[in-house]
C-alpha atoms as a PDB file:
ATOM      1  CA  MET A   1       0.000   0.000   0.000  1.00  0.00           C
ATOM      2  CA  GLN A   2       2.870   2.324   0.760  1.00  0.00           C
ATOM      3  CA  ILE A   3       4.105   2.178  -2.852  1.00  0.00           C
ATOM      4  CA  TYR A   4       0.865   3.845  -4.026  1.00  0.00           C
ATOM      5  CA  VAL A   5       1.292   6.931  -1.838  1.00  0.00           C
ATOM      6  CA  PRO A   6       3.237   8.951  -4.478  1.00  0.00           C
ATOM      7  CA  LEU A   7       0.627   8.100  -7.119  1.00  0.00           C
ATOM      8  CA  LEU A   8      -2.243   9.075  -4.837  1.00  0.00           C
ATOM      9  CA  LEU A   9      -0.449  12.316  -3.931  1.00  0.00           C
ATOM     10  CA  LEU A  10       0.013  13.109  -7.619  1.00  0.00           C
ATOM     11  CA  ILE A  11      -3.659  12.424  -8.412  1.00  0.00           C
ATOM     12  CA  GLY A  12      -4.725  14.537  -5.435  1.00  0.00           C
ATOM     13  CA  PHE A  13      -2.419  17.389  -6.453  1.00  0.00           C
ATOM     14  CA  VAL A  14      -3.689  17.328 -10.036  1.00  0.00           C
ATOM     15  CA  ALA A  15      -7.346  17.326  -8.938  1.00  0.00           C
ATOM     16  CA  LEU A  16      -6.752  20.091  -6.409  1.00  0.00           C
ATOM     17  CA  ASN A  17      -4.824  22.125  -8.976  1.00  0.00           C
ATOM     18  CA  ALA A  18      -7.620  21.790 -11.567  1.00  0.00           C
ATOM     19  CA  VAL A  19     -10.327  22.806  -9.108  1.00  0.00           C
ATOM     20  CA  GLY A  20      -8.181  25.631  -7.708  1.00  0.00           C
ATOM     21  CA  ILE A  21      -7.366  27.134 -11.096  1.00  0.00           C
ATOM     22  CA  THR A  22     -11.031  26.979 -12.157  1.00  0.00           C
ATOM     23  CA  LEU A  23     -12.221  28.625  -8.946  1.00  0.00           C
ATOM     24  CA  LEU A  24      -9.481  31.236  -9.105  1.00  0.00           C
ATOM     25  CA  SER A  25     -10.399  32.201 -12.663  1.00  0.00           C
ATOM     26  CA  HIS A  26     -14.055  32.646 -11.650  1.00  0.00           C
ATOM     27  CA  LEU A  27     -13.117  34.757  -8.637  1.00  0.00           C
ATOM     28  CA  ILE A  28     -10.625  37.019 -10.411  1.00  0.00           C
ATOM     29  CA  THR A  29     -12.307  37.681 -13.760  1.00  0.00           C
ATOM     30  CA  ARG A  30     -15.411  39.745 -14.379  1.00  0.00           C
ATOM     31  CA  GLY A  31     -17.965  38.672 -16.926  1.00  0.00           C
ATOM     32  CA  ARG A  32     -18.924  41.330 -19.457  1.00  0.00           C
ATOM     33  CA  PRO A  33     -21.473  39.604 -21.662  1.00  0.00           C
ATOM     34  CA  ASN A  34     -22.636  41.251 -24.866  1.00  0.00           C
ATOM     35  CA  PRO A  35     -24.448  39.922 -27.950  1.00  0.00           C
ATOM     36  CA  ILE A  36     -21.222  39.388 -29.905  1.00  0.00           C
ATOM     37  CA  LYS A  37     -19.606  37.350 -27.114  1.00  0.00           C
ATOM     38  CA  GLU A  38     -22.742  35.226 -26.744  1.00  0.00           C
ATOM     39  CA  GLN A  39     -22.663  34.069 -30.394  1.00  0.00           C
ATOM     40  CA  PRO A  40     -21.353  30.607 -31.284  1.00  0.00           C
ATOM     41  CA  TYR A  41     -17.725  30.589 -32.416  1.00  0.00           C
ATOM     42  CA  GLU A  42     -16.319  28.270 -35.088  1.00  0.00           C
ATOM     43  CA  SER A  43     -12.588  28.766 -35.622  1.00  0.00           C
ATOM     44  CA  GLY A  44     -12.877  32.500 -36.190  1.00  0.00           C
ATOM     45  CA  ILE A  45     -15.569  32.136 -38.857  1.00  0.00           C
ATOM     46  CA  PRO A  46     -19.210  33.082 -38.319  1.00  0.00           C
ATOM     47  CA  PRO A  47     -21.257  29.868 -38.143  1.00  0.00           C
ATOM     48  CA  LEU A  48     -22.810  28.797 -41.429  1.00  0.00           C
ATOM     49  CA  GLY A  49     -25.961  26.717 -41.638  1.00  0.00           C
ATOM     50  CA  ASP A  50     -27.821  24.781 -39.002  1.00  0.00           C
ATOM     51  CA  ALA A  51     -26.106  22.821 -36.235  1.00  0.00           C
ATOM     52  CA  ARG A  52     -28.442  19.899 -36.909  1.00  0.00           C
ATOM     53  CA  GLU A  53     -27.238  19.404 -40.464  1.00  0.00           C
ATOM     54  CA  ARG A  54     -27.168  15.815 -41.718  1.00  0.00           C
ATOM     55  CA  PHE A  55     -23.848  14.278 -42.698  1.00  0.00           C
ATOM     56  CA  SER A  56     -23.218  11.505 -45.142  1.00  0.00           C
ATOM     57  CA  VAL A  57     -22.608   8.029 -43.755  1.00  0.00           C
ATOM     58  CA  LYS A  58     -19.239   8.111 -45.565  1.00  0.00           C
ATOM     59  CA  PHE A  59     -18.081  10.823 -43.151  1.00  0.00           C
ATOM     60  CA  TYR A  60     -18.709   8.547 -40.181  1.00  0.00           C
ATOM     61  CA  MET A  61     -17.162   5.551 -41.948  1.00  0.00           C
ATOM     62  CA  VAL A  62     -13.929   7.430 -42.598  1.00  0.00           C
ATOM     63  CA  ALA A  63     -13.916   8.732 -39.007  1.00  0.00           C
ATOM     64  CA  MET A  64     -14.388   5.246 -37.535  1.00  0.00           C
ATOM     65  CA  LEU A  65     -11.750   3.744 -39.826  1.00  0.00           C
ATOM     66  CA  PHE A  66      -9.311   6.473 -38.830  1.00  0.00           C
ATOM     67  CA  ILE A  67      -9.893   5.716 -35.154  1.00  0.00           C
ATOM     68  CA  VAL A  68      -9.490   1.960 -35.689  1.00  0.00           C
ATOM     69  CA  PHE A  69      -6.220   2.295 -37.625  1.00  0.00           C
ATOM     70  CA  ASP A  70      -4.959   5.012 -35.283  1.00  0.00           C
ATOM     71  CA  ILE A  71      -5.555   2.902 -32.177  1.00  0.00           C
ATOM     72  CA  GLU A  72      -3.913  -0.108 -33.793  1.00  0.00           C
ATOM     73  CA  THR A  73      -0.781   1.882 -34.569  1.00  0.00           C
ATOM     74  CA  VAL A  74      -0.565   2.867 -30.878  1.00  0.00           C
ATOM     75  CA  PHE A  75       0.426  -0.760 -30.245  1.00  0.00           C
ATOM     76  CA  MET A  76       3.732  -0.009 -31.977  1.00  0.00           C
ATOM     77  CA  LEU A  77       4.942   2.055 -29.014  1.00  0.00           C
ATOM     78  CA  PRO A  78       5.220  -0.809 -26.496  1.00  0.00           C
ATOM     79  CA  TRP A  79       6.693  -2.984 -29.238  1.00  0.00           C
ATOM     80  CA  GLY A  80       9.356  -0.335 -29.851  1.00  0.00           C
ATOM     81  CA  VAL A  81      10.150  -0.152 -26.151  1.00  0.00           C
ATOM     82  CA  TYR A  82      10.569  -3.937 -25.854  1.00  0.00           C
ATOM     83  CA  PHE A  83      12.040  -4.548 -29.325  1.00  0.00           C
ATOM     84  CA  GLN A  84      15.549  -5.242 -28.081  1.00  0.00           C
ATOM     85  CA  ARG A  85      14.303  -7.666 -25.428  1.00  0.00           C
ATOM     86  CA  LEU A  86      12.049  -9.421 -27.967  1.00  0.00           C
ATOM     87  CA  SER A  87      14.895  -9.841 -30.471  1.00  0.00           C
ATOM     88  CA  CYS A  88      17.425 -11.290 -28.034  1.00  0.00           C
ATOM     89  CA  THR A  89      17.532 -15.059 -27.443  1.00  0.00           C
ATOM     90  CA  GLY A  90      19.577 -14.741 -24.250  1.00  0.00           C
ATOM     91  CA  PRO A  91      19.471 -12.385 -21.288  1.00  0.00           C
ATOM     92  CA  LEU A  92      20.411  -8.767 -21.928  1.00  0.00           C
ATOM     93  CA  LEU A  93      23.753  -7.468 -20.729  1.00  0.00           C
ATOM     94  CA  ALA A  94      24.001  -4.965 -17.870  1.00  0.00           C
ATOM     95  CA  SER A  95      24.228  -2.157 -20.446  1.00  0.00           C
ATOM     96  CA  GLY A  96      20.880  -3.263 -21.905  1.00  0.00           C
ATOM     97  CA  ALA A  97      22.461  -4.539 -25.110  1.00  0.00           C
ATOM     98  CA  CYS A  98      21.981  -7.974 -26.591  1.00  0.00           C
ATOM     99  CA  PRO A  99      25.097 -10.200 -26.511  1.00  0.00           C
ATOM    100  CA  ALA A 100      26.823 -10.701 -29.855  1.00  0.00           C
ATOM    101  CA  GLY A 101      25.410 -13.590 -31.858  1.00  0.00           C
ATOM    102  CA  SER A 102      22.209 -13.980 -29.830  1.00  0.00           C
ATOM    103  CA  THR A 103      19.813 -11.839 -31.842  1.00  0.00           C
ATOM    104  CA  SER A 104      16.702 -13.305 -33.424  1.00  0.00           C
ATOM    105  CA  PHE A 105      14.077 -12.326 -35.968  1.00  0.00           C
ATOM    106  CA  PHE A 106      11.192 -12.754 -33.487  1.00  0.00           C
ATOM    107  CA  GLY A 107      10.764  -9.092 -32.438  1.00  0.00           C
ATOM    108  CA  PHE A 108      10.895  -7.789 -35.983  1.00  0.00           C
ATOM    109  CA  GLY A 109       8.870 -10.696 -37.348  1.00  0.00           C
ATOM    110  CA  GLU A 110       5.952 -10.186 -35.000  1.00  0.00           C
ATOM    111  CA  MET A 111       5.696  -6.528 -36.049  1.00  0.00           C
ATOM    112  CA  LEU A 112       5.802  -7.596 -39.694  1.00  0.00           C
ATOM    113  CA  VAL A 113       2.849  -9.911 -39.026  1.00  0.00           C
ATOM    114  CA  PHE A 114       0.992  -7.092 -37.254  1.00  0.00           C
ATOM    115  CA  MET A 115       1.687  -4.703 -40.158  1.00  0.00           C
ATOM    116  CA  ALA A 116       0.575  -7.357 -42.668  1.00  0.00           C
ATOM    117  CA  ILE A 117      -2.747  -7.729 -40.835  1.00  0.00           C
ATOM    118  CA  LEU A 118      -3.179  -3.936 -40.882  1.00  0.00           C
ATOM    119  CA  LEU A 119      -2.317  -3.852 -44.585  1.00  0.00           C
ATOM    120  CA  VAL A 120      -4.865  -6.572 -45.401  1.00  0.00           C
ATOM    121  CA  GLY A 121      -7.525  -4.635 -43.482  1.00  0.00           C
ATOM    122  CA  PHE A 122      -6.588  -1.400 -45.240  1.00  0.00           C
ATOM    123  CA  ILE A 123      -6.716  -3.022 -48.692  1.00  0.00           C
ATOM    124  CA  TYR A 124     -10.089  -4.594 -47.870  1.00  0.00           C
ATOM    125  CA  VAL A 125     -11.520  -1.221 -46.799  1.00  0.00           C
ATOM    126  CA  TRP A 126     -10.023   0.455 -49.861  1.00  0.00           C
ATOM    127  CA  LYS A 127     -11.482  -2.138 -52.266  1.00  0.00           C
ATOM    128  CA  LYS A 128     -14.911  -1.821 -50.625  1.00  0.00           C
ATOM    129  CA  GLY A 129     -14.809   1.920 -51.389  1.00  0.00           C
ATOM    130  CA  ALA A 130     -15.186   3.038 -47.781  1.00  0.00           C
ATOM    131  CA  LEU A 131     -12.443   5.646 -48.190  1.00  0.00           C
ATOM    132  CA  GLN A 132     -14.069   7.414 -51.150  1.00  0.00           C
ATOM    133  CA  TRP A 133     -15.571  10.678 -50.017  1.00  0.00           C
ATOM    134  CA  ASP A 134     -18.004  11.398 -52.887  1.00  0.00           C
END
């Protein structure tokens, strides 16, 4: 339980800091509402059209595919961190290096398999026409 004390202190500090900054900004600043400030704001451009406008299903398909492929590529980060350990057949040296002559193809090969699966999925989506906007 004692090993979690720094983590709990950090979470408490972050929460307290967020609440404190929000309260401080409300106490210090004065609100001066006017009709221009009350209007919706879209990247510096006056809003065009209705907020309840219908979008094509293709828009949502591309958005979901982006999220799927983006999340799958996040799995490359832990692979990159453990690549040296995955590609070494023996224990690592004290310096963290792999001893000479004890490297393997396993670490690189498993990422090639992962990339091949992603590529097959991408080609399938492309052939189905899900990436065409029009």
